[in-house]
Amino acid sequence: MANYAVIRMEKYKKDRLNGTQKHNQREFQKSKNENIDRERTHLNYDLVNEKPISYSKAVHEKIEGRVKRKVRADAVLVSEFLITASPDYMNGMSEKEQRRYFETAVDHLKEKYSAENMLYATVHMDEATPHMHVGIVPITEDGRLSAKDFFNGKLKMKAIQDDFHRHMVENGFDLVRGEPSEKKHENVHQYKINQRQAELERLNAEIA
């Protein structure tokens, strides 16, 4: 079975920041996400921030310091990437190698979108498959907040997947190009549900 490099992206406006922060930083008392193993939550880490942050405050600070024009109320404030790999491949690595995988991915995204634009890089070790959420505030070099400049169009999304796969392979990870592009429109939450379902089906088949 092929081992896929997985990179997906969602765009978040102001109304999504608080919920995203609570999920990524595990700030909730209860969660509808049954995949989370609370006994492993202490293994989660962030490759950008040493401690939890306020997403809204951090985004405001980046925009205030660098964006020249007034930001529209419906503007995309954060483009979030989900980074992982096929479950068998990801879970087959040691925790040290898993961390190197995520660090390598972060280096790639910093190079493409600027370290200054990176808001967080939160690794979740407490779900079925280790994965990372990386938030990018899409500020252009000329001081505009514009997700369209970075991510609009099928060709740009295809290039994101191609470049990510190439970078990971060049750094020693035995992976094939990510999943078919028509699947990219699944949101991150639905993707994780589908991955969990596929893993359960595989385990049930092994038991049978």
Protein backbone atom coordinates (compact mmCIF):
# COMPACT_ATOMS: atom_id res chain seq x y z
CA MET A 1 0.00 0.00 0.00
CA ALA A 2 1.33 3.43 -0.96
CA ASN A 3 2.49 5.85 1.72
CA TYR A 4 1.06 9.27 0.99
CA ALA A 5 2.34 12.67 2.01
CA VAL A 6 -0.71 14.58 3.18
CA ILE A 7 -1.14 18.36 3.14
CA ARG A 8 -4.55 20.04 3.22
CA MET A 9 -5.57 23.64 3.75
CA GLU A 10 -8.59 25.55 5.05
CA LYS A 11 -9.15 29.30 5.20
CA TYR A 12 -10.41 30.78 8.45
CA LYS A 13 -12.14 34.10 8.96
CA LYS A 14 -12.57 35.88 12.28
CA ASP A 15 -15.49 33.73 13.44
CA ARG A 16 -13.43 30.53 13.25
CA LEU A 17 -10.38 31.63 15.22
CA ASN A 18 -11.67 31.03 18.74
CA GLY A 19 -12.94 27.51 18.04
CA THR A 20 -9.75 26.62 16.16
CA GLN A 21 -7.64 27.87 19.06
CA LYS A 22 -9.64 25.84 21.59
CA HIS A 23 -9.32 22.69 19.51
CA ASN A 24 -5.65 23.04 18.67
CA GLN A 25 -4.58 23.99 22.19
CA ARG A 26 -7.02 21.57 23.88
CA GLU A 27 -8.66 24.34 25.91
CA PHE A 28 -12.13 22.77 26.01
CA GLN A 29 -13.56 20.91 28.99
CA LYS A 30 -15.54 18.58 26.74
CA SER A 31 -15.18 17.80 23.06
CA LYS A 32 -17.34 16.14 20.41
CA ASN A 33 -14.13 14.67 18.99
CA GLU A 34 -14.16 11.10 20.28
CA ASN A 35 -10.76 10.44 18.71
CA ILE A 36 -8.91 12.44 21.36
CA ASP A 37 -7.13 10.35 23.99
CA ARG A 38 -6.81 12.68 26.98
CA GLU A 39 -4.14 10.48 28.51
CA ARG A 40 -1.86 11.36 25.59
CA THR A 41 -2.66 15.08 25.34
CA HIS A 42 0.46 15.95 27.33
CA LEU A 43 2.48 14.64 24.38
CA ASN A 44 1.19 17.41 22.09
CA TYR A 45 3.56 20.28 21.29
CA ASP A 46 3.88 23.46 19.23
CA LEU A 47 6.94 24.04 17.05
CA VAL A 48 6.39 27.81 16.99
CA ASN A 49 5.09 28.78 20.43
CA GLU A 50 6.45 27.69 23.81
CA LYS A 51 3.07 28.21 25.50
CA PRO A 52 -0.58 28.66 24.46
CA ILE A 53 -1.43 31.89 22.67
CA SER A 54 -4.50 33.95 21.84
CA TYR A 55 -4.98 33.48 18.10
CA SER A 56 -7.04 36.66 17.74
CA LYS A 57 -4.48 38.76 19.61
CA ALA A 58 -1.52 37.29 17.73
CA VAL A 59 -3.22 37.82 14.35
CA HIS A 60 -4.10 41.40 15.31
CA GLU A 61 -0.48 42.08 16.25
CA LYS A 62 0.82 40.73 12.94
CA ILE A 63 -1.71 42.73 10.94
CA GLU A 64 -1.25 45.92 12.94
CA GLY A 65 2.50 45.85 12.49
CA ARG A 66 2.66 44.96 8.79
CA VAL A 67 -0.60 45.45 6.87
CA LYS A 68 -0.99 48.91 5.38
CA ARG A 69 -4.66 48.88 4.36
CA LYS A 70 -7.78 48.49 6.46
CA VAL A 71 -8.73 44.81 6.73
CA ARG A 72 -12.19 43.83 5.56
CA ALA A 73 -14.54 42.30 8.14
CA ASP A 74 -14.88 39.11 6.06
CA ALA A 75 -11.17 38.74 5.28
CA VAL A 76 -9.38 35.40 5.59
CA LEU A 77 -7.14 35.86 8.63
CA VAL A 78 -5.52 32.43 8.84
CA SER A 79 -4.87 29.71 6.30
CA GLU A 80 -4.44 26.48 8.24
CA PHE A 81 -2.58 23.47 6.87
CA LEU A 82 -3.13 19.93 8.07
CA ILE A 83 0.14 17.99 7.78
CA THR A 84 0.39 14.22 8.18
CA ALA A 85 0.95 11.04 6.17
CA SER A 86 -0.79 7.72 5.62
CA PRO A 87 -1.72 6.26 9.05
CA ASP A 88 0.41 3.11 8.75
CA TYR A 89 3.44 5.13 7.70
CA MET A 90 2.98 7.82 10.32
CA ASN A 91 2.35 5.40 13.18
CA GLY A 92 5.23 3.20 12.04
CA MET A 93 7.79 5.91 12.75
CA SER A 94 9.43 6.50 16.11
CA GLU A 95 8.35 9.64 17.96
CA LYS A 96 11.75 11.14 17.17
CA GLU A 97 11.26 10.54 13.46
CA GLN A 98 7.68 11.81 13.63
CA ARG A 99 8.98 15.04 15.14
CA ARG A 100 11.57 15.32 12.35
CA TYR A 101 8.76 14.87 9.84
CA PHE A 102 6.84 17.79 11.32
CA GLU A 103 9.94 19.96 11.73
CA THR A 104 10.83 19.33 8.08
CA ALA A 105 7.30 20.33 7.04
CA VAL A 106 7.48 23.52 9.12
CA ASP A 107 10.81 24.47 7.53
CA HIS A 108 9.20 24.05 4.11
CA LEU A 109 6.18 26.23 4.95
CA LYS A 110 8.39 28.92 6.50
CA GLU A 111 10.43 29.04 3.32
CA LYS A 112 7.32 29.31 1.12
CA TYR A 113 5.18 31.65 3.20
CA SER A 114 7.66 33.39 5.56
CA ALA A 115 8.45 32.49 9.16
CA GLU A 116 7.03 35.90 10.08
CA ASN A 117 3.61 34.79 8.81
CA MET A 118 3.53 31.54 10.79
CA LEU A 119 1.16 31.74 13.75
CA TYR A 120 1.39 28.21 15.17
CA ALA A 121 2.50 24.69 14.31
CA THR A 122 0.64 22.46 16.73
CA VAL A 123 1.33 18.72 16.69
CA HIS A 124 -1.40 16.42 17.98
CA MET A 125 -0.14 13.11 19.33
CA ASP A 126 -3.40 12.31 21.12
CA GLU A 127 -5.48 11.27 18.11
CA ALA A 128 -5.41 8.13 15.98
CA THR A 129 -2.70 9.39 13.63
CA PRO A 130 -0.11 12.03 14.60
CA HIS A 131 -0.71 15.22 12.62
CA MET A 132 0.09 18.91 12.71
CA HIS A 133 -2.00 22.07 12.29
CA VAL A 134 0.00 25.01 10.90
CA GLY A 135 -1.52 28.49 10.83
CA ILE A 136 -0.33 31.05 8.29
CA VAL A 137 -1.44 34.69 8.35
CA PRO A 138 -1.37 35.45 4.59
CA ILE A 139 0.47 38.78 4.55
CA THR A 140 2.21 39.58 1.27
CA GLU A 141 5.65 41.12 0.94
CA ASP A 142 4.08 44.45 -0.03
CA GLY A 143 1.98 44.59 3.13
CA ARG A 144 -1.42 43.23 2.09
CA LEU A 145 -3.55 40.60 3.81
CA SER A 146 -4.44 38.40 0.84
CA ALA A 147 -5.07 34.68 0.97
CA LYS A 148 -5.92 34.89 -2.74
CA ASP A 149 -2.33 35.81 -3.58
CA PHE A 150 -1.05 32.68 -1.86
CA PHE A 151 -3.64 29.98 -2.33
CA ASN A 152 -6.31 30.66 -4.96
CA GLY A 153 -6.91 28.28 -7.82
CA LYS A 154 -6.44 24.60 -8.59
CA LEU A 155 -2.97 25.11 -10.03
CA LYS A 156 -1.71 26.76 -6.85
CA MET A 157 -3.17 24.00 -4.68
CA LYS A 158 -1.62 21.38 -6.95
CA ALA A 159 1.73 23.16 -6.64
CA ILE A 160 1.40 23.14 -2.84
CA GLN A 161 0.97 19.37 -2.84
CA ASP A 162 3.73 18.82 -5.40
CA ASP A 163 6.23 21.04 -3.57
CA PHE A 164 5.44 19.50 -0.20
CA HIS A 165 5.90 15.96 -1.47
CA ARG A 166 9.16 16.87 -3.21
CA HIS A 167 10.55 18.54 -0.08
CA MET A 168 9.69 15.61 2.20
CA VAL A 169 11.21 13.05 -0.20
CA GLU A 170 14.38 15.14 -0.53
CA ASN A 171 14.68 14.98 3.25
CA GLY A 172 14.57 11.20 3.38
CA PHE A 173 10.89 10.32 3.77
CA ASP A 174 9.68 7.44 1.58
CA LEU A 175 6.41 8.88 0.32
CA VAL A 176 4.39 9.20 -2.85
CA ARG A 177 2.51 12.29 -4.01
CA GLY A 178 -0.52 13.21 -1.89
CA GLU A 179 -4.04 11.98 -2.42
CA PRO A 180 -6.00 12.88 -5.58
CA SER A 181 -6.62 16.61 -5.92
CA GLU A 182 -10.41 16.23 -6.16
CA LYS A 183 -10.38 15.19 -2.48
CA LYS A 184 -8.82 18.44 -1.33
CA HIS A 185 -12.22 20.06 -0.82
CA GLU A 186 -12.96 17.90 2.22
CA ASN A 187 -12.56 20.10 5.25
CA VAL A 188 -9.94 19.10 7.79
CA HIS A 189 -12.48 17.79 10.31
CA GLN A 190 -14.19 15.57 7.73
CA TYR A 191 -10.84 14.33 6.47
CA LYS A 192 -9.85 13.23 9.98
CA ILE A 193 -13.21 11.45 10.42
CA ASN A 194 -12.72 9.61 7.14
CA GLN A 195 -9.16 8.63 8.08
CA ARG A 196 -10.35 7.30 11.43
CA GLN A 197 -13.12 5.30 9.74
CA ALA A 198 -10.66 3.81 7.25
CA GLU A 199 -8.33 2.82 10.09
CA LEU A 200 -11.17 1.14 12.01
CA GLU A 201 -12.21 -0.79 8.90
CA ARG A 202 -8.64 -1.97 8.40
CA LEU A 203 -8.35 -3.12 12.03
CA ASN A 204 -11.69 -4.93 11.85
CA ALA A 205 -10.54 -6.72 8.71
CA GLU A 206 -7.35 -7.84 10.47
CA ILE A 207 -9.35 -9.12 13.45
CA ALA A 208 -11.72 -11.02 11.15
